[in-house]
Amino acid sequence: MAIAKQSYLEDILAGFDLLMIDPTKDPFEVGKVIPLEAVIDMTVELIEYCESERVQRGLPKLHMRLVPKKQMVASQAQSAMKNSSKH
């Protein structure tokens, strides 16, 4: 998360007013699937961080777009359905 936060902070300080929040990729392991619950938690953490940094610096409001990977969400939904049918 430190890498993502630093990247978003650099974008904010550079004057970006639209941030794409997408914590679905692991920067250390290509192709790793991150559990949906973790993606949700990281998304909330990143939004809170960006907003806190913006307010602390007295910068204009940001727009944030959530862009989780469709394949990741579809894949995890499919896995969840398979697991629930086993019970």
N, C-alpha and C. Protein backbone atom coordinates (compact mmCIF):
# COMPACT_ATOMS: atom_id res chain seq x y z
N MET A 1 0.82 -1.20 0.00
CA MET A 1 0.00 0.00 0.00
C MET A 1 0.85 1.26 0.00
N ALA A 2 2.05 1.17 0.54
CA ALA A 2 2.91 2.34 0.59
C ALA A 2 3.23 2.85 -0.82
N ILE A 3 3.46 1.92 -1.74
CA ILE A 3 3.76 2.30 -3.13
C ILE A 3 2.54 3.00 -3.75
N ALA A 4 1.38 2.44 -3.55
CA ALA A 4 0.15 3.03 -4.10
C ALA A 4 -0.10 4.40 -3.50
N LYS A 5 0.05 4.52 -2.20
CA LYS A 5 -0.20 5.81 -1.54
C LYS A 5 0.77 6.87 -2.04
N GLN A 6 2.04 6.50 -2.19
CA GLN A 6 3.02 7.47 -2.69
C GLN A 6 2.68 7.91 -4.11
N SER A 7 2.25 6.96 -4.93
CA SER A 7 1.88 7.28 -6.30
C SER A 7 0.68 8.22 -6.35
N TYR A 8 -0.34 7.93 -5.55
CA TYR A 8 -1.52 8.80 -5.52
C TYR A 8 -1.17 10.18 -4.99
N LEU A 9 -0.32 10.23 -3.97
CA LEU A 9 0.08 11.53 -3.42
C LEU A 9 0.81 12.35 -4.48
N GLU A 10 1.69 11.72 -5.23
CA GLU A 10 2.39 12.43 -6.31
C GLU A 10 1.40 12.96 -7.34
N ASP A 11 0.38 12.16 -7.66
CA ASP A 11 -0.65 12.62 -8.60
C ASP A 11 -1.41 13.82 -8.05
N ILE A 12 -1.77 13.75 -6.77
CA ILE A 12 -2.52 14.84 -6.14
C ILE A 12 -1.68 16.12 -6.15
N LEU A 13 -0.41 15.99 -5.78
CA LEU A 13 0.47 17.16 -5.73
C LEU A 13 0.75 17.73 -7.12
N ALA A 14 0.65 16.87 -8.14
CA ALA A 14 0.86 17.32 -9.52
C ALA A 14 -0.37 18.01 -10.09
N GLY A 15 -1.47 18.01 -9.32
CA GLY A 15 -2.67 18.72 -9.76
C GLY A 15 -3.74 17.87 -10.41
N PHE A 16 -3.56 16.56 -10.39
CA PHE A 16 -4.60 15.69 -10.94
C PHE A 16 -5.88 15.91 -10.14
N ASP A 17 -7.02 15.93 -10.82
CA ASP A 17 -8.28 16.06 -10.10
C ASP A 17 -9.17 14.83 -10.28
N LEU A 18 -8.68 13.85 -11.03
CA LEU A 18 -9.38 12.57 -11.21
C LEU A 18 -8.37 11.45 -10.97
N LEU A 19 -8.68 10.62 -9.99
CA LEU A 19 -7.81 9.48 -9.67
C LEU A 19 -8.57 8.19 -9.95
N MET A 20 -7.90 7.25 -10.55
CA MET A 20 -8.47 5.93 -10.79
C MET A 20 -7.99 5.03 -9.65
N ILE A 21 -8.90 4.60 -8.81
CA ILE A 21 -8.55 3.77 -7.66
C ILE A 21 -8.76 2.31 -8.05
N ASP A 22 -7.64 1.59 -8.14
CA ASP A 22 -7.69 0.19 -8.59
C ASP A 22 -6.62 -0.64 -7.86
N PRO A 23 -6.96 -1.17 -6.69
CA PRO A 23 -5.99 -1.96 -5.93
C PRO A 23 -6.04 -3.46 -6.26
N THR A 24 -6.36 -3.80 -7.49
CA THR A 24 -6.52 -5.22 -7.82
C THR A 24 -5.23 -5.87 -8.31
N LYS A 25 -4.16 -5.10 -8.46
CA LYS A 25 -2.90 -5.67 -8.91
C LYS A 25 -1.88 -5.65 -7.80
N ASP A 26 -1.20 -6.76 -7.62
CA ASP A 26 -0.12 -6.85 -6.65
C ASP A 26 1.16 -6.42 -7.36
N PRO A 27 1.83 -5.35 -6.91
CA PRO A 27 3.02 -4.87 -7.61
C PRO A 27 4.21 -5.83 -7.49
N PHE A 28 4.11 -6.81 -6.60
CA PHE A 28 5.24 -7.71 -6.36
C PHE A 28 5.05 -9.09 -6.99
N GLU A 29 3.83 -9.41 -7.44
CA GLU A 29 3.58 -10.74 -8.00
C GLU A 29 2.61 -10.63 -9.18
N VAL A 30 3.13 -10.78 -10.39
CA VAL A 30 2.33 -10.67 -11.60
C VAL A 30 1.27 -11.78 -11.64
N GLY A 31 0.05 -11.40 -11.94
CA GLY A 31 -1.03 -12.37 -12.09
C GLY A 31 -1.67 -12.82 -10.80
N LYS A 32 -1.20 -12.33 -9.66
CA LYS A 32 -1.78 -12.73 -8.37
C LYS A 32 -3.21 -12.20 -8.26
N VAL A 33 -4.12 -13.06 -7.84
CA VAL A 33 -5.50 -12.66 -7.64
C VAL A 33 -5.66 -12.23 -6.18
N ILE A 34 -6.10 -11.03 -5.99
CA ILE A 34 -6.30 -10.49 -4.64
C ILE A 34 -7.76 -10.74 -4.26
N PRO A 35 -8.02 -11.29 -3.08
CA PRO A 35 -9.40 -11.55 -2.67
C PRO A 35 -10.26 -10.29 -2.69
N LEU A 36 -11.50 -10.45 -3.09
CA LEU A 36 -12.41 -9.32 -3.23
C LEU A 36 -12.53 -8.51 -1.94
N GLU A 37 -12.62 -9.19 -0.81
CA GLU A 37 -12.73 -8.49 0.48
C GLU A 37 -11.51 -7.59 0.71
N ALA A 38 -10.33 -8.08 0.34
CA ALA A 38 -9.11 -7.27 0.48
C ALA A 38 -9.13 -6.08 -0.47
N VAL A 39 -9.65 -6.29 -1.67
CA VAL A 39 -9.76 -5.19 -2.65
C VAL A 39 -10.67 -4.09 -2.10
N ILE A 40 -11.77 -4.50 -1.51
CA ILE A 40 -12.71 -3.52 -0.92
C ILE A 40 -12.02 -2.74 0.20
N ASP A 41 -11.35 -3.47 1.10
CA ASP A 41 -10.66 -2.81 2.22
C ASP A 41 -9.59 -1.84 1.72
N MET A 42 -8.81 -2.26 0.74
CA MET A 42 -7.75 -1.40 0.21
C MET A 42 -8.33 -0.19 -0.52
N THR A 43 -9.45 -0.39 -1.22
CA THR A 43 -10.09 0.72 -1.92
C THR A 43 -10.52 1.79 -0.93
N VAL A 44 -11.16 1.37 0.16
CA VAL A 44 -11.60 2.32 1.19
C VAL A 44 -10.39 3.03 1.80
N GLU A 45 -9.35 2.27 2.11
CA GLU A 45 -8.14 2.86 2.70
C GLU A 45 -7.51 3.90 1.76
N LEU A 46 -7.45 3.59 0.48
CA LEU A 46 -6.86 4.52 -0.49
C LEU A 46 -7.70 5.79 -0.65
N ILE A 47 -9.01 5.63 -0.69
CA ILE A 47 -9.89 6.80 -0.80
C ILE A 47 -9.72 7.70 0.43
N GLU A 48 -9.74 7.09 1.61
CA GLU A 48 -9.58 7.86 2.84
C GLU A 48 -8.22 8.57 2.87
N TYR A 49 -7.18 7.88 2.43
CA TYR A 49 -5.84 8.46 2.40
C TYR A 49 -5.79 9.66 1.46
N CYS A 50 -6.27 9.48 0.25
CA CYS A 50 -6.24 10.56 -0.74
C CYS A 50 -7.02 11.77 -0.26
N GLU A 51 -8.17 11.54 0.31
CA GLU A 51 -9.00 12.65 0.79
C GLU A 51 -8.32 13.35 1.96
N SER A 52 -7.73 12.59 2.86
CA SER A 52 -7.03 13.17 4.01
C SER A 52 -5.86 14.04 3.55
N GLU A 53 -5.09 13.54 2.60
CA GLU A 53 -3.95 14.31 2.08
C GLU A 53 -4.42 15.57 1.37
N ARG A 54 -5.51 15.47 0.63
CA ARG A 54 -6.05 16.63 -0.07
C ARG A 54 -6.48 17.71 0.92
N VAL A 55 -7.24 17.31 1.94
CA VAL A 55 -7.74 18.25 2.94
C VAL A 55 -6.58 18.88 3.71
N GLN A 56 -5.63 18.04 4.11
CA GLN A 56 -4.48 18.51 4.88
C GLN A 56 -3.70 19.59 4.12
N ARG A 57 -3.69 19.50 2.81
CA ARG A 57 -2.94 20.45 1.98
C ARG A 57 -3.80 21.60 1.44
N GLY A 58 -5.10 21.57 1.78
CA GLY A 58 -6.00 22.63 1.33
C GLY A 58 -6.21 22.65 -0.17
N LEU A 59 -6.18 21.48 -0.79
CA LEU A 59 -6.33 21.38 -2.24
C LEU A 59 -7.81 21.21 -2.63
N PRO A 60 -8.13 21.53 -3.90
CA PRO A 60 -9.52 21.37 -4.36
C PRO A 60 -9.97 19.91 -4.30
N LYS A 61 -11.28 19.74 -4.32
CA LYS A 61 -11.85 18.40 -4.26
C LYS A 61 -11.35 17.53 -5.40
N LEU A 62 -11.26 16.23 -5.10
CA LEU A 62 -10.84 15.23 -6.09
C LEU A 62 -12.05 14.43 -6.55
N HIS A 63 -11.94 13.94 -7.75
CA HIS A 63 -12.90 12.96 -8.24
C HIS A 63 -12.16 11.63 -8.26
N MET A 64 -12.83 10.59 -7.80
CA MET A 64 -12.20 9.27 -7.79
C MET A 64 -13.10 8.28 -8.49
N ARG A 65 -12.52 7.51 -9.35
CA ARG A 65 -13.25 6.47 -10.07
C ARG A 65 -12.72 5.13 -9.61
N LEU A 66 -13.63 4.27 -9.24
CA LEU A 66 -13.26 2.92 -8.82
C LEU A 66 -13.25 2.03 -10.06
N VAL A 67 -12.12 1.37 -10.28
CA VAL A 67 -12.00 0.56 -11.49
C VAL A 67 -11.45 -0.84 -11.19
N PRO A 68 -12.23 -1.65 -10.46
CA PRO A 68 -11.77 -3.02 -10.25
C PRO A 68 -11.81 -3.79 -11.56
N LYS A 69 -10.92 -4.71 -11.72
CA LYS A 69 -10.86 -5.52 -12.93
C LYS A 69 -12.07 -6.43 -13.02
N LYS A 70 -12.78 -6.34 -14.14
CA LYS A 70 -13.99 -7.16 -14.33
C LYS A 70 -13.67 -8.64 -14.22
N GLN A 71 -12.53 -9.04 -14.76
CA GLN A 71 -12.18 -10.45 -14.74
C GLN A 71 -12.00 -10.94 -13.31
N MET A 72 -11.37 -10.11 -12.47
CA MET A 72 -11.14 -10.49 -11.09
C MET A 72 -12.45 -10.66 -10.34
N VAL A 73 -13.34 -9.72 -10.53
CA VAL A 73 -14.64 -9.78 -9.86
C VAL A 73 -15.43 -10.98 -10.36
N ALA A 74 -15.45 -11.18 -11.67
CA ALA A 74 -16.18 -12.31 -12.26
C ALA A 74 -15.60 -13.63 -11.78
N SER A 75 -14.29 -13.73 -11.76
CA SER A 75 -13.62 -14.95 -11.33
C SER A 75 -13.93 -15.27 -9.88
N GLN A 76 -13.89 -14.26 -9.03
CA GLN A 76 -14.16 -14.50 -7.61
C GLN A 76 -15.64 -14.80 -7.37
N ALA A 77 -16.51 -14.19 -8.14
CA ALA A 77 -17.93 -14.50 -8.01
C ALA A 77 -18.19 -15.95 -8.41
N GLN A 78 -17.53 -16.36 -9.47
CA GLN A 78 -17.68 -17.74 -9.94
C GLN A 78 -17.17 -18.71 -8.88
N SER A 79 -16.03 -18.42 -8.28
CA SER A 79 -15.48 -19.27 -7.22
C SER A 79 -16.42 -19.33 -6.03
N ALA A 80 -16.98 -18.20 -5.66
CA ALA A 80 -17.91 -18.16 -4.53
C ALA A 80 -19.14 -19.00 -4.80
N MET A 81 -19.63 -18.94 -6.04
CA MET A 81 -20.81 -19.73 -6.40
C MET A 81 -20.49 -21.21 -6.33
N LYS A 82 -19.32 -21.61 -6.80
CA LYS A 82 -18.92 -23.01 -6.75
C LYS A 82 -18.81 -23.48 -5.31
N ASN A 83 -18.19 -22.65 -4.46
CA ASN A 83 -18.03 -23.01 -3.05
C ASN A 83 -19.36 -23.10 -2.33
N SER A 84 -20.29 -22.21 -2.64
CA SER A 84 -21.59 -22.24 -1.97
C SER A 84 -22.43 -23.43 -2.41
N SER A 85 -22.21 -23.91 -3.62
CA SER A 85 -22.98 -25.06 -4.09
C SER A 85 -22.48 -26.37 -3.46
N LYS A 86 -21.29 -26.35 -2.87
CA LYS A 86 -20.74 -27.53 -2.21
C LYS A 86 -21.33 -27.73 -0.82
N HIS A 87 -21.96 -26.70 -0.28
CA HIS A 87 -22.50 -26.76 1.09
C HIS A 87 -23.92 -27.22 1.09
